[in-house]
């Protein structure tokens, strides 16, 4: 979390946000509240990291995606709801515009990023980049700070096996080539890669791909989520392809060595869970959740999110985590491996 705070501070200084004292002072106070609450189950700070699910519609059918099981799939968040959510989290430092769908299917995403940036918020998102040129050409001049491109293979056949028949690896690479030609200081681009037992052999290929495009500044790896509500979407074959906790430790060390070898930043998304203290996920209907892995859970509307921070569910989750126990709603989550 300290790394995130330093990253935001660099952004705030470079963007001039640090000088807009009308909100910056409040955010500093909120961060101090958060730092004082990390060992408490009952907290009084606002989230500093928020995800807003702008889309549950998607143009691909990835075999590991939980989206087909969502009750609110194939929806797009409209501007009035987005503003309502953003107004409720004035002290957020980082805003991730993503969820279980393809964010850029929502034509308002560029507008949403601009609104967030004008409020001094660092804005990022993730995309499969199987997008038409009319959308891709808007990325370099957008207000988005960081765009991560998701993929699981560097070969067309294996990529399609992971991403479905509607996916096209050539479209992805053509779009990367375009972005590389017109590169600017912003956005920052990176690769977001889900690792399985079958694609771990491509580890070097991912680094080679990243080095081929100067715009790609980092690689972020994650493992298939073993939580029950995610495994329910996996085929028997995919469940066998899931990397377990024991193997993950060795893979993390291997990625560190590859990062040094290829001289490009790389990490595994497996930090100690801090979501219940400093994070908030708003689904496409504007409902708040303790983290982005809560699916099909009925909760109060966004207007009441402050009361949710102190409700019994969230307090119990924090209490269990502080005691070194797995909270029942979080059983088998890979973010508890730490």
C-alpha atoms as a PDB file:
ATOM      1  CA  UNK A   1       0.000   0.000   0.000  1.00  0.00           C
ATOM      2  CA  UNK A   2       2.908   2.353   0.696  1.00  0.00           C
ATOM      3  CA  UNK A   3       4.001   1.862  -2.933  1.00  0.00           C
ATOM      4  CA  UNK A   4       0.546   2.955  -4.096  1.00  0.00           C
ATOM      5  CA  UNK A   5       0.697   6.063  -1.916  1.00  0.00           C
ATOM      6  CA  UNK A   6       4.114   7.037  -3.273  1.00  0.00           C
ATOM      7  CA  UNK A   7       2.870   6.448  -6.808  1.00  0.00           C
ATOM      8  CA  UNK A   8      -0.103   8.717  -6.209  1.00  0.00           C
ATOM      9  CA  UNK A   9       2.079  11.412  -4.667  1.00  0.00           C
ATOM     10  CA  UNK A  10       4.273  11.446  -7.787  1.00  0.00           C
ATOM     11  CA  UNK A  11       1.160  11.722  -9.934  1.00  0.00           C
ATOM     12  CA  UNK A  12      -0.347  14.462  -7.745  1.00  0.00           C
ATOM     13  CA  UNK A  13       2.808  16.562  -7.948  1.00  0.00           C
ATOM     14  CA  UNK A  14       3.265  16.093 -11.710  1.00  0.00           C
ATOM     15  CA  UNK A  15      -0.396  16.856 -12.465  1.00  0.00           C
ATOM     16  CA  UNK A  16      -0.644  19.827 -10.131  1.00  0.00           C
ATOM     17  CA  UNK A  17      -3.257  18.072  -7.998  1.00  0.00           C
ATOM     18  CA  UNK A  18      -1.145  18.634  -4.911  1.00  0.00           C
ATOM     19  CA  UNK A  19      -1.760  22.366  -5.237  1.00  0.00           C
ATOM     20  CA  UNK A  20      -5.558  22.062  -5.369  1.00  0.00           C
ATOM     21  CA  UNK A  21      -5.833  22.290  -1.605  1.00  0.00           C
ATOM     22  CA  UNK A  22      -9.632  22.188  -1.661  1.00  0.00           C
ATOM     23  CA  UNK A  23      -9.479  18.406  -1.936  1.00  0.00           C
ATOM     24  CA  UNK A  24      -5.821  17.530  -1.367  1.00  0.00           C
ATOM     25  CA  UNK A  25      -5.875  18.372   2.353  1.00  0.00           C
ATOM     26  CA  UNK A  26      -8.930  16.163   2.864  1.00  0.00           C
ATOM     27  CA  UNK A  27      -7.207  13.298   1.049  1.00  0.00           C
ATOM     28  CA  UNK A  28      -4.088  13.607   3.172  1.00  0.00           C
ATOM     29  CA  UNK A  29      -6.220  13.491   6.319  1.00  0.00           C
ATOM     30  CA  UNK A  30      -8.034  10.434   4.971  1.00  0.00           C
ATOM     31  CA  UNK A  31      -4.749   8.635   4.235  1.00  0.00           C
ATOM     32  CA  UNK A  32      -3.598   9.316   7.795  1.00  0.00           C
ATOM     33  CA  UNK A  33      -6.888   7.880   9.079  1.00  0.00           C
ATOM     34  CA  UNK A  34      -6.340   4.797   6.943  1.00  0.00           C
ATOM     35  CA  UNK A  35      -2.785   4.277   8.161  1.00  0.00           C
ATOM     36  CA  UNK A  36      -4.081   4.485  11.718  1.00  0.00           C
ATOM     37  CA  UNK A  37      -6.830   1.938  11.019  1.00  0.00           C
ATOM     38  CA  UNK A  38      -4.893  -0.923   9.430  1.00  0.00           C
ATOM     39  CA  UNK A  39      -4.858  -2.877  12.704  1.00  0.00           C
ATOM     40  CA  UNK A  40      -8.505  -2.166  13.517  1.00  0.00           C
ATOM     41  CA  UNK A  41     -11.721  -3.926  12.546  1.00  0.00           C
ATOM     42  CA  UNK A  42     -13.886  -0.802  12.887  1.00  0.00           C
ATOM     43  CA  UNK A  43     -12.639   2.011  10.647  1.00  0.00           C
ATOM     44  CA  UNK A  44     -13.657   5.583   9.836  1.00  0.00           C
ATOM     45  CA  UNK A  45     -11.688   6.401   6.674  1.00  0.00           C
ATOM     46  CA  UNK A  46     -12.907   6.585   3.094  1.00  0.00           C
ATOM     47  CA  UNK A  47     -11.477   4.270   0.408  1.00  0.00           C
ATOM     48  CA  UNK A  48      -8.294   5.460  -1.283  1.00  0.00           C
ATOM     49  CA  UNK A  49      -8.602   2.849  -4.071  1.00  0.00           C
ATOM     50  CA  UNK A  50     -11.892   2.288  -5.876  1.00  0.00           C
ATOM     51  CA  UNK A  51     -13.032   0.179  -8.792  1.00  0.00           C
ATOM     52  CA  UNK A  52     -16.096   1.176 -10.746  1.00  0.00           C
ATOM     53  CA  UNK A  53     -17.488  -1.473 -13.056  1.00  0.00           C
ATOM     54  CA  UNK A  54     -18.408   0.560 -16.119  1.00  0.00           C
ATOM     55  CA  UNK A  55     -19.324  -2.516 -18.184  1.00  0.00           C
ATOM     56  CA  UNK A  56     -20.438  -6.112 -17.755  1.00  0.00           C
ATOM     57  CA  UNK A  57     -20.755  -6.494 -21.518  1.00  0.00           C
ATOM     58  CA  UNK A  58     -17.866  -8.064 -23.414  1.00  0.00           C
ATOM     59  CA  UNK A  59     -16.782  -8.770 -26.973  1.00  0.00           C
ATOM     60  CA  UNK A  60     -14.934 -12.004 -26.047  1.00  0.00           C
ATOM     61  CA  UNK A  61     -15.764 -15.264 -24.261  1.00  0.00           C
ATOM     62  CA  UNK A  62     -12.721 -16.042 -22.090  1.00  0.00           C
ATOM     63  CA  UNK A  63     -12.897 -19.549 -20.671  1.00  0.00           C
ATOM     64  CA  UNK A  64     -11.932 -18.446 -17.151  1.00  0.00           C
ATOM     65  CA  UNK A  65     -14.360 -15.501 -16.923  1.00  0.00           C
ATOM     66  CA  UNK A  66     -17.090 -15.421 -14.279  1.00  0.00           C
ATOM     67  CA  UNK A  67     -19.187 -12.973 -16.318  1.00  0.00           C
ATOM     68  CA  UNK A  68     -21.624 -15.606 -17.700  1.00  0.00           C
ATOM     69  CA  UNK A  69     -22.743 -16.304 -14.114  1.00  0.00           C
ATOM     70  CA  UNK A  70     -23.530 -12.665 -13.289  1.00  0.00           C
ATOM     71  CA  UNK A  71     -27.149 -11.672 -12.819  1.00  0.00           C
ATOM     72  CA  UNK A  72     -26.340  -8.154 -14.115  1.00  0.00           C
ATOM     73  CA  UNK A  73     -24.256  -9.069 -17.163  1.00  0.00           C
ATOM     74  CA  UNK A  74     -24.350  -7.216 -20.490  1.00  0.00           C
ATOM     75  CA  UNK A  75     -24.953  -3.841 -18.889  1.00  0.00           C
ATOM     76  CA  UNK A  76     -23.234  -0.456 -19.180  1.00  0.00           C
ATOM     77  CA  UNK A  77     -23.027   2.144 -16.411  1.00  0.00           C
ATOM     78  CA  UNK A  78     -24.659   5.390 -17.452  1.00  0.00           C
ATOM     79  CA  UNK A  79     -23.218   8.881 -16.727  1.00  0.00           C
ATOM     80  CA  UNK A  80     -25.718   9.865 -14.028  1.00  0.00           C
ATOM     81  CA  UNK A  81     -24.916   6.759 -11.977  1.00  0.00           C
ATOM     82  CA  UNK A  82     -21.169   7.152 -12.519  1.00  0.00           C
ATOM     83  CA  UNK A  83     -21.291  10.720 -11.187  1.00  0.00           C
ATOM     84  CA  UNK A  84     -23.335   9.582  -8.202  1.00  0.00           C
ATOM     85  CA  UNK A  85     -20.721   6.942  -7.355  1.00  0.00           C
ATOM     86  CA  UNK A  86     -17.782   9.295  -7.885  1.00  0.00           C
ATOM     87  CA  UNK A  87     -19.399  11.981  -5.724  1.00  0.00           C
ATOM     88  CA  UNK A  88     -19.673   9.416  -2.911  1.00  0.00           C
ATOM     89  CA  UNK A  89     -15.898   8.742  -2.858  1.00  0.00           C
ATOM     90  CA  UNK A  90     -14.267  12.208  -2.888  1.00  0.00           C
ATOM     91  CA  UNK A  91     -11.108  10.990  -1.133  1.00  0.00           C
ATOM     92  CA  UNK A  92     -10.283   8.230  -3.599  1.00  0.00           C
ATOM     93  CA  UNK A  93      -6.755   8.509  -4.994  1.00  0.00           C
ATOM     94  CA  UNK A  94      -6.849   5.647  -7.514  1.00  0.00           C
ATOM     95  CA  UNK A  95      -9.820   4.788  -9.714  1.00  0.00           C
ATOM     96  CA  UNK A  96      -9.880   1.583 -11.750  1.00  0.00           C
ATOM     97  CA  UNK A  97     -12.539   1.693 -14.469  1.00  0.00           C
ATOM     98  CA  UNK A  98     -13.063  -2.024 -14.933  1.00  0.00           C
ATOM     99  CA  UNK A  99     -15.036  -5.034 -13.774  1.00  0.00           C
ATOM    100  CA  UNK A 100     -16.147  -8.247 -15.423  1.00  0.00           C
ATOM    101  CA  UNK A 101     -16.713  -6.744 -18.876  1.00  0.00           C
ATOM    102  CA  UNK A 102     -14.677  -4.922 -21.517  1.00  0.00           C
ATOM    103  CA  UNK A 103     -14.511  -1.298 -20.295  1.00  0.00           C
ATOM    104  CA  UNK A 104     -14.195   0.238 -23.771  1.00  0.00           C
ATOM    105  CA  UNK A 105     -17.565  -1.143 -24.840  1.00  0.00           C
ATOM    106  CA  UNK A 106     -18.928   1.695 -22.734  1.00  0.00           C
ATOM    107  CA  UNK A 107     -18.621   4.715 -25.001  1.00  0.00           C
ATOM    108  CA  UNK A 108     -18.665   7.044 -21.979  1.00  0.00           C
ATOM    109  CA  UNK A 109     -15.392   5.710 -20.528  1.00  0.00           C
ATOM    110  CA  UNK A 110     -13.325   8.550 -21.999  1.00  0.00           C
ATOM    111  CA  UNK A 111     -15.702  11.050 -20.422  1.00  0.00           C
ATOM    112  CA  UNK A 112     -15.515   9.187 -17.085  1.00  0.00           C
ATOM    113  CA  UNK A 113     -11.717   9.257 -17.105  1.00  0.00           C
ATOM    114  CA  UNK A 114     -11.687  12.988 -17.850  1.00  0.00           C
ATOM    115  CA  UNK A 115     -14.045  13.692 -14.954  1.00  0.00           C
ATOM    116  CA  UNK A 116     -11.910  11.641 -12.558  1.00  0.00           C
ATOM    117  CA  UNK A 117      -8.644  13.234 -13.674  1.00  0.00           C
ATOM    118  CA  UNK A 118     -10.063  16.737 -13.251  1.00  0.00           C
ATOM    119  CA  UNK A 119     -10.760  15.750  -9.654  1.00  0.00           C
ATOM    120  CA  UNK A 120      -7.104  14.841  -9.175  1.00  0.00           C
ATOM    121  CA  UNK A 121      -7.674  11.069  -9.286  1.00  0.00           C
ATOM    122  CA  UNK A 122      -5.204   8.655 -10.906  1.00  0.00           C
ATOM    123  CA  UNK A 123      -7.248   6.711 -13.467  1.00  0.00           C
ATOM    124  CA  UNK A 124      -6.454   3.263 -14.876  1.00  0.00           C
ATOM    125  CA  UNK A 125      -8.201   0.424 -16.669  1.00  0.00           C
ATOM    126  CA  UNK A 126      -7.674  -2.930 -18.370  1.00  0.00           C
ATOM    127  CA  UNK A 127      -8.653  -4.039 -21.878  1.00  0.00           C
ATOM    128  CA  UNK A 128      -8.423  -7.069 -24.158  1.00  0.00           C
ATOM    129  CA  UNK A 129      -7.503  -4.589 -26.947  1.00  0.00           C
ATOM    130  CA  UNK A 130      -9.639  -6.488 -29.449  1.00  0.00           C
ATOM    131  CA  UNK A 131     -11.038  -3.088 -30.293  1.00  0.00           C
ATOM    132  CA  UNK A 132     -11.850  -1.195 -33.504  1.00  0.00           C
ATOM    133  CA  UNK A 133      -9.375   1.436 -34.666  1.00  0.00           C
ATOM    134  CA  UNK A 134     -11.929   4.180 -33.959  1.00  0.00           C
ATOM    135  CA  UNK A 135     -11.590   3.395 -30.240  1.00  0.00           C
ATOM    136  CA  UNK A 136      -7.856   2.648 -30.175  1.00  0.00           C
ATOM    137  CA  UNK A 137      -7.038   5.950 -31.888  1.00  0.00           C
ATOM    138  CA  UNK A 138      -8.601   7.797 -28.948  1.00  0.00           C
ATOM    139  CA  UNK A 139      -6.401   6.127 -26.315  1.00  0.00           C
ATOM    140  CA  UNK A 140      -3.221   8.244 -26.713  1.00  0.00           C
ATOM    141  CA  UNK A 141      -5.089  11.515 -26.202  1.00  0.00           C
ATOM    142  CA  UNK A 142      -7.369  10.225 -23.447  1.00  0.00           C
ATOM    143  CA  UNK A 143      -7.256  11.264 -19.797  1.00  0.00           C
ATOM    144  CA  UNK A 144      -6.505   7.705 -18.687  1.00  0.00           C
ATOM    145  CA  UNK A 145      -3.215   7.436 -16.793  1.00  0.00           C
ATOM    146  CA  UNK A 146      -2.633   3.722 -17.239  1.00  0.00           C
ATOM    147  CA  UNK A 147      -3.963   1.026 -19.570  1.00  0.00           C
ATOM    148  CA  UNK A 148      -3.198  -2.650 -19.034  1.00  0.00           C
ATOM    149  CA  UNK A 149      -3.637  -5.086 -21.918  1.00  0.00           C
ATOM    150  CA  UNK A 150      -4.783  -8.550 -20.873  1.00  0.00           C
ATOM    151  CA  UNK A 151      -3.677 -11.733 -22.622  1.00  0.00           C
ATOM    152  CA  UNK A 152      -2.678 -15.329 -21.817  1.00  0.00           C
ATOM    153  CA  UNK A 153      -0.576 -16.378 -24.791  1.00  0.00           C
ATOM    154  CA  UNK A 154       1.688 -15.024 -27.512  1.00  0.00           C
ATOM    155  CA  UNK A 155       0.521 -17.529 -30.133  1.00  0.00           C
ATOM    156  CA  UNK A 156      -2.705 -17.045 -32.077  1.00  0.00           C
ATOM    157  CA  UNK A 157      -3.963 -20.584 -31.508  1.00  0.00           C
ATOM    158  CA  UNK A 158      -3.376 -20.676 -27.754  1.00  0.00           C
ATOM    159  CA  UNK A 159      -4.690 -17.119 -27.408  1.00  0.00           C
ATOM    160  CA  UNK A 160      -7.934 -18.145 -29.068  1.00  0.00           C
ATOM    161  CA  UNK A 161      -8.149 -21.201 -26.825  1.00  0.00           C
ATOM    162  CA  UNK A 162      -8.106 -18.903 -23.787  1.00  0.00           C
ATOM    163  CA  UNK A 163     -10.144 -16.038 -25.213  1.00  0.00           C
ATOM    164  CA  UNK A 164     -12.712 -17.763 -27.424  1.00  0.00           C
ATOM    165  CA  UNK A 165     -13.494 -17.831 -31.136  1.00  0.00           C
ATOM    166  CA  UNK A 166     -14.302 -14.130 -31.318  1.00  0.00           C
ATOM    167  CA  UNK A 167     -10.787 -13.176 -30.196  1.00  0.00           C
ATOM    168  CA  UNK A 168      -8.072 -12.208 -32.661  1.00  0.00           C
ATOM    169  CA  UNK A 169      -4.435 -12.002 -31.571  1.00  0.00           C
ATOM    170  CA  UNK A 170      -3.536 -10.159 -34.776  1.00  0.00           C
ATOM    171  CA  UNK A 171      -5.994  -7.375 -33.936  1.00  0.00           C
ATOM    172  CA  UNK A 172      -4.347  -7.053 -30.517  1.00  0.00           C
ATOM    173  CA  UNK A 173      -0.809  -6.849 -31.917  1.00  0.00           C
ATOM    174  CA  UNK A 174      -1.854  -4.458 -34.706  1.00  0.00           C
ATOM    175  CA  UNK A 175      -3.358  -2.167 -32.085  1.00  0.00           C
ATOM    176  CA  UNK A 176      -0.186  -2.387 -29.999  1.00  0.00           C
ATOM    177  CA  UNK A 177       1.872  -1.468 -33.058  1.00  0.00           C
ATOM    178  CA  UNK A 178      -0.303   1.582 -33.676  1.00  0.00           C
ATOM    179  CA  UNK A 179      -0.050   2.726 -30.051  1.00  0.00           C
ATOM    180  CA  UNK A 180       3.698   2.196 -30.180  1.00  0.00           C
ATOM    181  CA  UNK A 181       3.995   4.419 -33.268  1.00  0.00           C
ATOM    182  CA  UNK A 182       2.052   7.306 -31.749  1.00  0.00           C
ATOM    183  CA  UNK A 183       3.352   6.881 -28.198  1.00  0.00           C
ATOM    184  CA  UNK A 184       3.194   9.777 -25.779  1.00  0.00           C
ATOM    185  CA  UNK A 185       4.044  10.235 -22.113  1.00  0.00           C
ATOM    186  CA  UNK A 186       0.506   9.248 -21.202  1.00  0.00           C
ATOM    187  CA  UNK A 187      -1.084   6.746 -20.861  1.00  0.00           C
ATOM    188  CA  UNK A 188       1.325   4.217 -19.355  1.00  0.00           C
ATOM    189  CA  UNK A 189       0.800   0.773 -20.909  1.00  0.00           C
ATOM    190  CA  UNK A 190       1.470  -2.664 -19.518  1.00  0.00           C
ATOM    191  CA  UNK A 191       0.537  -6.314 -19.921  1.00  0.00           C
ATOM    192  CA  UNK A 192      -1.844  -8.102 -17.557  1.00  0.00           C
ATOM    193  CA  UNK A 193      -1.338 -11.860 -17.773  1.00  0.00           C
ATOM    194  CA  UNK A 194      -3.268 -14.691 -16.134  1.00  0.00           C
ATOM    195  CA  UNK A 195      -0.940 -17.627 -15.498  1.00  0.00           C
ATOM    196  CA  UNK A 196      -1.955 -21.283 -15.598  1.00  0.00           C
ATOM    197  CA  UNK A 197      -0.038 -24.545 -15.571  1.00  0.00           C
ATOM    198  CA  UNK A 198      -0.331 -24.730 -19.356  1.00  0.00           C
ATOM    199  CA  UNK A 199       0.906 -21.240 -20.263  1.00  0.00           C
ATOM    200  CA  UNK A 200       3.719 -20.952 -17.707  1.00  0.00           C
ATOM    201  CA  UNK A 201       6.013 -22.321 -20.423  1.00  0.00           C
ATOM    202  CA  UNK A 202       5.400 -19.070 -22.329  1.00  0.00           C
ATOM    203  CA  UNK A 203       6.866 -16.934 -19.571  1.00  0.00           C
ATOM    204  CA  UNK A 204       9.882 -15.848 -21.633  1.00  0.00           C
ATOM    205  CA  UNK A 205       7.617 -15.107 -24.595  1.00  0.00           C
ATOM    206  CA  UNK A 206       5.612 -12.607 -22.538  1.00  0.00           C
ATOM    207  CA  UNK A 207       8.785 -10.713 -21.686  1.00  0.00           C
ATOM    208  CA  UNK A 208       9.958 -10.815 -25.315  1.00  0.00           C
ATOM    209  CA  UNK A 209       6.580  -9.444 -26.438  1.00  0.00           C
ATOM    210  CA  UNK A 210       6.778  -6.623 -23.906  1.00  0.00           C
ATOM    211  CA  UNK A 211      10.303  -5.703 -25.028  1.00  0.00           C
ATOM    212  CA  UNK A 212       9.115  -5.526 -28.649  1.00  0.00           C
ATOM    213  CA  UNK A 213       6.909  -2.516 -27.868  1.00  0.00           C
ATOM    214  CA  UNK A 214       8.505   0.487 -26.179  1.00  0.00           C
ATOM    215  CA  UNK A 215       5.173   1.624 -24.743  1.00  0.00           C
ATOM    216  CA  UNK A 216       4.885  -1.512 -22.567  1.00  0.00           C
ATOM    217  CA  UNK A 217       6.495  -0.518 -19.290  1.00  0.00           C
ATOM    218  CA  UNK A 218       5.531  -3.380 -17.005  1.00  0.00           C
ATOM    219  CA  UNK A 219       4.108  -6.890 -16.798  1.00  0.00           C
ATOM    220  CA  UNK A 220       1.589  -7.803 -14.136  1.00  0.00           C
ATOM    221  CA  UNK A 221       0.896 -11.491 -13.551  1.00  0.00           C
ATOM    222  CA  UNK A 222      -1.978 -13.062 -11.683  1.00  0.00           C
ATOM    223  CA  UNK A 223      -3.140 -16.617 -11.035  1.00  0.00           C
ATOM    224  CA  UNK A 224      -6.579 -18.063 -11.662  1.00  0.00           C
ATOM    225  CA  UNK A 225      -8.822 -17.151  -8.737  1.00  0.00           C
ATOM    226  CA  UNK A 226      -9.630 -20.302  -6.680  1.00  0.00           C
ATOM    227  CA  UNK A 227     -12.628 -18.800  -4.841  1.00  0.00           C
ATOM    228  CA  UNK A 228     -15.735 -20.976  -5.133  1.00  0.00           C
ATOM    229  CA  UNK A 229     -17.780 -18.378  -7.040  1.00  0.00           C
ATOM    230  CA  UNK A 230     -15.006 -18.229  -9.658  1.00  0.00           C
ATOM    231  CA  UNK A 231     -14.290 -21.945  -9.838  1.00  0.00           C
ATOM    232  CA  UNK A 232     -17.978 -22.448 -10.629  1.00  0.00           C
ATOM    233  CA  UNK A 233     -17.268 -20.864 -14.024  1.00  0.00           C
ATOM    234  CA  UNK A 234     -14.246 -23.090 -14.746  1.00  0.00           C
ATOM    235  CA  UNK A 235     -14.416 -26.303 -16.751  1.00  0.00           C
ATOM    236  CA  UNK A 236     -12.920 -29.471 -15.254  1.00  0.00           C
ATOM    237  CA  UNK A 237      -9.926 -28.996 -17.545  1.00  0.00           C
ATOM    238  CA  UNK A 238      -9.394 -25.417 -16.392  1.00  0.00           C
ATOM    239  CA  UNK A 239      -9.678 -26.364 -12.723  1.00  0.00           C
ATOM    240  CA  UNK A 240      -6.817 -28.816 -13.246  1.00  0.00           C
ATOM    241  CA  UNK A 241      -4.873 -26.019 -14.964  1.00  0.00           C
ATOM    242  CA  UNK A 242      -5.069 -23.765 -11.894  1.00  0.00           C
ATOM    243  CA  UNK A 243      -1.795 -22.959 -10.128  1.00  0.00           C
ATOM    244  CA  UNK A 244      -1.913 -23.710  -6.404  1.00  0.00           C
ATOM    245  CA  UNK A 245      -0.401 -21.762  -3.520  1.00  0.00           C
ATOM    246  CA  UNK A 246       2.630 -24.028  -3.187  1.00  0.00           C
ATOM    247  CA  UNK A 247       3.633 -23.598  -6.837  1.00  0.00           C
ATOM    248  CA  UNK A 248       2.945 -19.855  -6.799  1.00  0.00           C
ATOM    249  CA  UNK A 249       5.904 -19.081  -4.531  1.00  0.00           C
ATOM    250  CA  UNK A 250       8.425 -20.617  -6.935  1.00  0.00           C
ATOM    251  CA  UNK A 251       6.763 -18.865  -9.882  1.00  0.00           C
ATOM    252  CA  UNK A 252       7.017 -15.488  -8.167  1.00  0.00           C
ATOM    253  CA  UNK A 253      10.749 -16.000  -7.709  1.00  0.00           C
ATOM    254  CA  UNK A 254      11.083 -17.063 -11.352  1.00  0.00           C
ATOM    255  CA  UNK A 255       9.305 -13.895 -12.499  1.00  0.00           C
ATOM    256  CA  UNK A 256      11.678 -11.762 -10.421  1.00  0.00           C
ATOM    257  CA  UNK A 257      14.632 -13.375 -12.189  1.00  0.00           C
ATOM    258  CA  UNK A 258      13.040 -12.881 -15.615  1.00  0.00           C
ATOM    259  CA  UNK A 259      12.389  -9.241 -14.762  1.00  0.00           C
ATOM    260  CA  UNK A 260      16.099  -8.695 -14.101  1.00  0.00           C
ATOM    261  CA  UNK A 261      17.102 -10.669 -17.186  1.00  0.00           C
ATOM    262  CA  UNK A 262      14.882  -8.702 -19.571  1.00  0.00           C
ATOM    263  CA  UNK A 263      15.213  -5.403 -17.705  1.00  0.00           C
ATOM    264  CA  UNK A 264      11.520  -4.678 -17.523  1.00  0.00           C
ATOM    265  CA  UNK A 265       9.335  -4.296 -14.453  1.00  0.00           C
ATOM    266  CA  UNK A 266       7.313  -7.393 -13.599  1.00  0.00           C
ATOM    267  CA  UNK A 267       5.372  -8.512 -10.552  1.00  0.00           C
ATOM    268  CA  UNK A 268       2.739 -10.976  -9.381  1.00  0.00           C
ATOM    269  CA  UNK A 269      -0.570  -9.595  -8.177  1.00  0.00           C
ATOM    270  CA  UNK A 270      -0.595 -11.360  -4.825  1.00  0.00           C
ATOM    271  CA  UNK A 271      -0.232  -8.636  -2.230  1.00  0.00           C
ATOM    272  CA  UNK A 272      -1.602  -8.965   1.273  1.00  0.00           C
ATOM    273  CA  UNK A 273      -5.309  -8.109   1.115  1.00  0.00           C
ATOM    274  CA  UNK A 274      -6.076  -4.529   2.151  1.00  0.00           C
ATOM    275  CA  UNK A 275      -9.387  -4.191   0.333  1.00  0.00           C
ATOM    276  CA  UNK A 276     -11.619  -4.085   3.451  1.00  0.00           C
ATOM    277  CA  UNK A 277      -9.610  -1.125   4.813  1.00  0.00           C
ATOM    278  CA  UNK A 278      -8.692   1.031   1.845  1.00  0.00           C
ATOM    279  CA  UNK A 279     -10.652  -0.308  -1.126  1.00  0.00           C
ATOM    280  CA  UNK A 280     -14.171  -0.261  -2.512  1.00  0.00           C
ATOM    281  CA  UNK A 281     -15.752  -1.945  -5.528  1.00  0.00           C
ATOM    282  CA  UNK A 282     -18.899  -0.539  -7.130  1.00  0.00           C
ATOM    283  CA  UNK A 283     -20.647  -2.912  -9.516  1.00  0.00           C
ATOM    284  CA  UNK A 284     -22.341  -1.840 -12.737  1.00  0.00           C
ATOM    285  CA  UNK A 285     -25.529  -1.082 -10.771  1.00  0.00           C
ATOM    286  CA  UNK A 286     -23.634   1.207  -8.402  1.00  0.00           C
ATOM    287  CA  UNK A 287     -23.784  -1.171  -5.440  1.00  0.00           C
ATOM    288  CA  UNK A 288     -20.676  -1.108  -3.164  1.00  0.00           C
ATOM    289  CA  UNK A 289     -18.795  -4.270  -2.153  1.00  0.00           C
ATOM    290  CA  UNK A 290     -15.808  -4.986   0.155  1.00  0.00           C
ATOM    291  CA  UNK A 291     -13.771  -6.033  -2.895  1.00  0.00           C
ATOM    292  CA  UNK A 292     -14.048  -6.768  -6.606  1.00  0.00           C
ATOM    293  CA  UNK A 293     -14.452 -10.528  -6.030  1.00  0.00           C
ATOM    294  CA  UNK A 294     -17.899 -10.291  -4.431  1.00  0.00           C
ATOM    295  CA  UNK A 295     -20.400 -11.282  -7.127  1.00  0.00           C
ATOM    296  CA  UNK A 296     -24.206 -11.521  -7.186  1.00  0.00           C
ATOM    297  CA  UNK A 297     -24.416 -10.126  -3.645  1.00  0.00           C
ATOM    298  CA  UNK A 298     -27.343  -7.849  -2.814  1.00  0.00           C
ATOM    299  CA  UNK A 299     -26.216  -4.771  -0.869  1.00  0.00           C
ATOM    300  CA  UNK A 300     -27.459  -1.275  -0.117  1.00  0.00           C
ATOM    301  CA  UNK A 301     -27.306   1.413  -2.819  1.00  0.00           C
ATOM    302  CA  UNK A 302     -24.304   3.664  -3.259  1.00  0.00           C
ATOM    303  CA  UNK A 303     -25.795   6.479  -1.196  1.00  0.00           C
ATOM    304  CA  UNK A 304     -25.403   4.335   1.932  1.00  0.00           C
ATOM    305  CA  UNK A 305     -21.865   3.119   1.353  1.00  0.00           C
ATOM    306  CA  UNK A 306     -20.505   4.940   4.436  1.00  0.00           C
ATOM    307  CA  UNK A 307     -22.751   2.888   6.706  1.00  0.00           C
ATOM    308  CA  UNK A 308     -21.532  -0.296   5.010  1.00  0.00           C
ATOM    309  CA  UNK A 309     -17.978   0.335   6.208  1.00  0.00           C
ATOM    310  CA  UNK A 310     -19.193  -0.218   9.752  1.00  0.00           C
ATOM    311  CA  UNK A 311     -21.732  -2.957   9.155  1.00  0.00           C
ATOM    312  CA  UNK A 312     -21.316  -6.397  10.666  1.00  0.00           C
ATOM    313  CA  UNK A 313     -20.175  -8.145   7.463  1.00  0.00           C
ATOM    314  CA  UNK A 314     -17.246  -5.818   6.826  1.00  0.00           C
ATOM    315  CA  UNK A 315     -16.212  -5.579  10.479  1.00  0.00           C
ATOM    316  CA  UNK A 316     -16.185  -9.379  10.726  1.00  0.00           C
ATOM    317  CA  UNK A 317     -14.096  -9.665   7.542  1.00  0.00           C
ATOM    318  CA  UNK A 318     -11.505  -7.274   8.973  1.00  0.00           C
ATOM    319  CA  UNK A 319     -11.564  -8.986  12.367  1.00  0.00           C
ATOM    320  CA  UNK A 320     -10.952 -12.408  10.794  1.00  0.00           C
ATOM    321  CA  UNK A 321      -8.121 -11.102   8.609  1.00  0.00           C
ATOM    322  CA  UNK A 322      -6.432  -9.452  11.589  1.00  0.00           C
ATOM    323  CA  UNK A 323      -6.697 -12.732  13.500  1.00  0.00           C
ATOM    324  CA  UNK A 324      -5.091 -14.645  10.632  1.00  0.00           C
ATOM    325  CA  UNK A 325      -8.328 -16.454   9.751  1.00  0.00           C
ATOM    326  CA  UNK A 326     -10.035 -16.753   6.374  1.00  0.00           C
ATOM    327  CA  UNK A 327     -13.364 -14.847   6.488  1.00  0.00           C
ATOM    328  CA  UNK A 328     -16.231 -17.082   5.243  1.00  0.00           C
ATOM    329  CA  UNK A 329     -17.012 -14.814   2.223  1.00  0.00           C
ATOM    330  CA  UNK A 330     -13.319 -14.931   1.257  1.00  0.00           C
ATOM    331  CA  UNK A 331     -12.641 -18.670   1.522  1.00  0.00           C
ATOM    332  CA  UNK A 332      -9.840 -19.867  -0.799  1.00  0.00           C
ATOM    333  CA  UNK A 333      -9.177 -16.388  -2.204  1.00  0.00           C
ATOM    334  CA  UNK A 334      -5.643 -16.219  -3.581  1.00  0.00           C
ATOM    335  CA  UNK A 335      -5.175 -12.822  -1.912  1.00  0.00           C
ATOM    336  CA  UNK A 336      -5.223 -14.623   1.436  1.00  0.00           C
ATOM    337  CA  UNK A 337      -2.118 -16.591   0.437  1.00  0.00           C
ATOM    338  CA  UNK A 338      -0.067 -13.783   1.968  1.00  0.00           C
END
